[in-house]
Amino acid sequence: MESNVFIGHHCPRCNTTVGTYASVGSVPTCPGCGGPLQAAPGGPQTQVLVNVVCGGCGSRFGMVSVVGGEAKCPSCGKNLKE
């Protein structure tokens, strides 16, 4: 069975930006309107971090997805990529 993970895609039908989206065994569609998902060239900055530990407070996250800015720790506000 085919599976895909899409990062930073958008729907041209309703103009929704999707940070991360997984599709297993089907064509990926917009969770809002059912339209097609497309890569967003020139779209908002998208960051997806997996198994990250905050250098500021030590909080652990399995996955963090942020559309439109830097990935920051929700506990202390430190940038998670530092």
N, C-alpha and C. Protein backbone atom coordinates (compact mmCIF):
# COMPACT_ATOMS: atom_id res chain seq x y z
N MET A 1 0.85 -1.18 0.00
CA MET A 1 0.00 0.00 0.00
C MET A 1 0.89 1.25 0.00
N GLU A 2 0.59 2.18 -0.84
CA GLU A 2 1.38 3.41 -0.96
C GLU A 2 1.05 4.37 0.18
N SER A 3 2.10 4.99 0.73
CA SER A 3 1.88 6.03 1.75
C SER A 3 2.76 7.22 1.42
N ASN A 4 2.27 8.41 1.73
CA ASN A 4 2.99 9.65 1.45
C ASN A 4 2.85 10.59 2.63
N VAL A 5 3.90 11.38 2.87
CA VAL A 5 3.84 12.44 3.86
C VAL A 5 4.16 13.73 3.12
N PHE A 6 3.28 14.72 3.24
CA PHE A 6 3.44 16.00 2.57
C PHE A 6 3.74 17.07 3.60
N ILE A 7 4.72 17.91 3.32
CA ILE A 7 5.11 18.98 4.23
C ILE A 7 5.03 20.30 3.49
N GLY A 8 4.29 21.26 4.06
CA GLY A 8 4.20 22.59 3.47
C GLY A 8 3.43 22.64 2.17
N HIS A 9 2.31 21.97 2.09
CA HIS A 9 1.48 21.98 0.88
C HIS A 9 0.28 22.90 1.09
N HIS A 10 -0.36 23.25 -0.02
CA HIS A 10 -1.54 24.10 0.07
C HIS A 10 -2.63 23.60 -0.88
N CYS A 11 -3.84 24.06 -0.62
CA CYS A 11 -4.98 23.73 -1.47
C CYS A 11 -5.33 24.97 -2.29
N PRO A 12 -5.25 24.90 -3.62
CA PRO A 12 -5.59 26.05 -4.44
C PRO A 12 -7.09 26.36 -4.45
N ARG A 13 -7.91 25.38 -4.10
CA ARG A 13 -9.36 25.60 -4.10
C ARG A 13 -9.80 26.51 -2.95
N CYS A 14 -9.31 26.25 -1.72
CA CYS A 14 -9.75 27.05 -0.57
C CYS A 14 -8.61 27.86 0.06
N ASN A 15 -7.40 27.75 -0.53
CA ASN A 15 -6.23 28.52 -0.10
C ASN A 15 -5.78 28.18 1.32
N THR A 16 -6.00 26.94 1.76
CA THR A 16 -5.55 26.47 3.06
C THR A 16 -4.12 25.97 2.94
N THR A 17 -3.27 26.31 3.91
CA THR A 17 -1.90 25.78 3.96
C THR A 17 -1.87 24.67 5.00
N VAL A 18 -1.31 23.52 4.62
CA VAL A 18 -1.23 22.36 5.49
C VAL A 18 0.23 22.14 5.86
N GLY A 19 0.53 22.13 7.17
CA GLY A 19 1.90 21.93 7.62
C GLY A 19 2.39 20.53 7.32
N THR A 20 1.71 19.53 7.82
CA THR A 20 2.04 18.13 7.52
C THR A 20 0.75 17.38 7.24
N TYR A 21 0.84 16.41 6.35
CA TYR A 21 -0.34 15.62 5.98
C TYR A 21 0.14 14.26 5.53
N ALA A 22 -0.46 13.21 6.06
CA ALA A 22 -0.10 11.85 5.67
C ALA A 22 -1.25 11.23 4.91
N SER A 23 -0.92 10.50 3.87
CA SER A 23 -1.92 9.84 3.04
C SER A 23 -1.50 8.39 2.85
N VAL A 24 -2.37 7.45 3.18
CA VAL A 24 -2.07 6.03 3.01
C VAL A 24 -3.11 5.42 2.08
N GLY A 25 -2.64 4.96 0.93
CA GLY A 25 -3.50 4.24 0.00
C GLY A 25 -4.51 5.08 -0.75
N SER A 26 -4.35 6.39 -0.75
CA SER A 26 -5.30 7.23 -1.49
C SER A 26 -4.60 8.51 -1.95
N VAL A 27 -5.28 9.25 -2.81
CA VAL A 27 -4.75 10.52 -3.27
C VAL A 27 -4.93 11.54 -2.15
N PRO A 28 -3.89 12.33 -1.84
CA PRO A 28 -4.02 13.31 -0.75
C PRO A 28 -4.97 14.44 -1.14
N THR A 29 -5.87 14.77 -0.23
CA THR A 29 -6.83 15.84 -0.46
C THR A 29 -6.82 16.79 0.73
N CYS A 30 -7.29 17.99 0.51
CA CYS A 30 -7.37 19.01 1.54
C CYS A 30 -8.33 18.55 2.65
N PRO A 31 -7.90 18.63 3.91
CA PRO A 31 -8.80 18.24 5.00
C PRO A 31 -9.97 19.21 5.16
N GLY A 32 -9.85 20.42 4.58
CA GLY A 32 -10.92 21.42 4.71
C GLY A 32 -12.01 21.28 3.68
N CYS A 33 -11.62 21.16 2.37
CA CYS A 33 -12.64 21.16 1.31
C CYS A 33 -12.57 19.95 0.39
N GLY A 34 -11.56 19.11 0.54
CA GLY A 34 -11.43 17.94 -0.32
C GLY A 34 -10.72 18.20 -1.63
N GLY A 35 -10.23 19.43 -1.84
CA GLY A 35 -9.50 19.78 -3.05
C GLY A 35 -8.12 19.14 -3.09
N PRO A 36 -7.41 19.27 -4.20
CA PRO A 36 -6.08 18.67 -4.35
C PRO A 36 -5.02 19.45 -3.57
N LEU A 37 -4.07 18.73 -2.99
CA LEU A 37 -2.95 19.40 -2.31
C LEU A 37 -1.80 19.56 -3.29
N GLN A 38 -1.14 20.72 -3.25
CA GLN A 38 -0.01 21.01 -4.12
C GLN A 38 1.12 21.58 -3.29
N ALA A 39 2.36 21.38 -3.78
CA ALA A 39 3.51 22.01 -3.12
C ALA A 39 3.33 23.51 -3.18
N ALA A 40 3.77 24.17 -2.15
CA ALA A 40 3.57 25.62 -2.04
C ALA A 40 4.88 26.37 -2.31
N PRO A 41 5.26 26.54 -3.60
CA PRO A 41 6.47 27.30 -3.87
C PRO A 41 6.28 28.75 -3.45
N GLY A 42 7.24 29.24 -2.70
CA GLY A 42 7.14 30.61 -2.21
C GLY A 42 6.12 30.76 -1.10
N GLY A 43 5.64 29.64 -0.59
CA GLY A 43 4.66 29.67 0.49
C GLY A 43 5.32 29.98 1.82
N PRO A 44 4.56 29.89 2.89
CA PRO A 44 5.11 30.22 4.20
C PRO A 44 6.19 29.23 4.64
N GLN A 45 7.10 29.70 5.47
CA GLN A 45 8.15 28.85 6.02
C GLN A 45 7.48 27.72 6.80
N THR A 46 7.93 26.50 6.58
CA THR A 46 7.37 25.34 7.27
C THR A 46 8.50 24.56 7.90
N GLN A 47 8.36 24.25 9.19
CA GLN A 47 9.36 23.45 9.88
C GLN A 47 8.67 22.25 10.52
N VAL A 48 9.28 21.08 10.34
CA VAL A 48 8.82 19.86 10.99
C VAL A 48 10.03 19.25 11.69
N LEU A 49 9.95 19.12 12.99
CA LEU A 49 11.03 18.55 13.78
C LEU A 49 10.51 17.29 14.47
N VAL A 50 11.33 16.25 14.51
CA VAL A 50 10.94 14.98 15.10
C VAL A 50 11.92 14.61 16.20
N ASN A 51 11.40 14.12 17.31
CA ASN A 51 12.20 13.69 18.47
C ASN A 51 13.20 14.77 18.89
N VAL A 52 12.66 15.92 19.24
CA VAL A 52 13.50 17.06 19.59
C VAL A 52 13.42 17.32 21.10
N VAL A 53 14.55 17.77 21.66
CA VAL A 53 14.64 18.15 23.07
C VAL A 53 14.97 19.64 23.12
N CYS A 54 14.23 20.39 23.90
CA CYS A 54 14.47 21.82 24.03
C CYS A 54 15.76 22.06 24.81
N GLY A 55 16.64 22.88 24.23
CA GLY A 55 17.90 23.22 24.89
C GLY A 55 17.72 24.18 26.05
N GLY A 56 16.55 24.80 26.15
CA GLY A 56 16.30 25.75 27.23
C GLY A 56 15.76 25.09 28.50
N CYS A 57 14.72 24.27 28.35
CA CYS A 57 14.06 23.71 29.54
C CYS A 57 14.08 22.19 29.60
N GLY A 58 14.53 21.54 28.52
CA GLY A 58 14.62 20.08 28.52
C GLY A 58 13.34 19.36 28.13
N SER A 59 12.30 20.09 27.75
CA SER A 59 11.05 19.44 27.31
C SER A 59 11.32 18.61 26.07
N ARG A 60 10.63 17.47 25.95
CA ARG A 60 10.80 16.55 24.82
C ARG A 60 9.51 16.53 23.99
N PHE A 61 9.71 16.48 22.65
CA PHE A 61 8.57 16.47 21.74
C PHE A 61 8.79 15.39 20.69
N GLY A 62 7.76 14.57 20.44
CA GLY A 62 7.84 13.54 19.40
C GLY A 62 7.84 14.16 18.02
N MET A 63 6.99 15.19 17.83
CA MET A 63 6.93 15.88 16.55
C MET A 63 6.36 17.28 16.75
N VAL A 64 7.01 18.24 16.11
CA VAL A 64 6.55 19.63 16.14
C VAL A 64 6.44 20.10 14.70
N SER A 65 5.29 20.63 14.32
CA SER A 65 5.07 21.17 12.98
C SER A 65 4.61 22.61 13.10
N VAL A 66 5.33 23.51 12.41
CA VAL A 66 5.01 24.92 12.47
C VAL A 66 4.94 25.47 11.04
N VAL A 67 3.85 26.17 10.73
CA VAL A 67 3.70 26.82 9.44
C VAL A 67 3.72 28.33 9.69
N GLY A 68 4.61 29.03 9.01
CA GLY A 68 4.64 30.49 9.11
C GLY A 68 5.59 31.05 10.13
N GLY A 69 6.59 30.29 10.54
CA GLY A 69 7.56 30.84 11.49
C GLY A 69 8.51 29.79 12.02
N GLU A 70 9.23 30.16 13.05
CA GLU A 70 10.22 29.28 13.69
C GLU A 70 9.52 28.32 14.65
N ALA A 71 10.09 27.11 14.78
CA ALA A 71 9.59 26.15 15.76
C ALA A 71 10.13 26.54 17.13
N LYS A 72 9.23 26.91 18.04
CA LYS A 72 9.62 27.33 19.38
C LYS A 72 9.00 26.41 20.41
N CYS A 73 9.69 26.24 21.53
CA CYS A 73 9.20 25.42 22.63
C CYS A 73 7.95 26.08 23.23
N PRO A 74 6.84 25.34 23.34
CA PRO A 74 5.64 25.93 23.93
C PRO A 74 5.78 26.17 25.43
N SER A 75 6.76 25.52 26.07
CA SER A 75 6.95 25.69 27.52
C SER A 75 7.75 26.94 27.86
N CYS A 76 8.87 27.17 27.12
CA CYS A 76 9.74 28.29 27.48
C CYS A 76 9.97 29.30 26.36
N GLY A 77 9.56 28.98 25.12
CA GLY A 77 9.68 29.90 24.01
C GLY A 77 11.01 29.88 23.26
N LYS A 78 11.94 29.01 23.67
CA LYS A 78 13.25 28.93 22.99
C LYS A 78 13.09 28.30 21.62
N ASN A 79 13.87 28.77 20.64
CA ASN A 79 13.89 28.20 19.30
C ASN A 79 14.36 26.75 19.40
N LEU A 80 13.57 25.81 18.87
CA LEU A 80 13.90 24.39 19.00
C LEU A 80 15.00 23.94 18.05
N LYS A 81 15.37 24.76 17.08
CA LYS A 81 16.46 24.38 16.17
C LYS A 81 17.83 24.79 16.69
N GLU A 82 17.88 25.47 17.82
CA GLU A 82 19.17 25.91 18.38
C GLU A 82 19.73 24.85 19.30
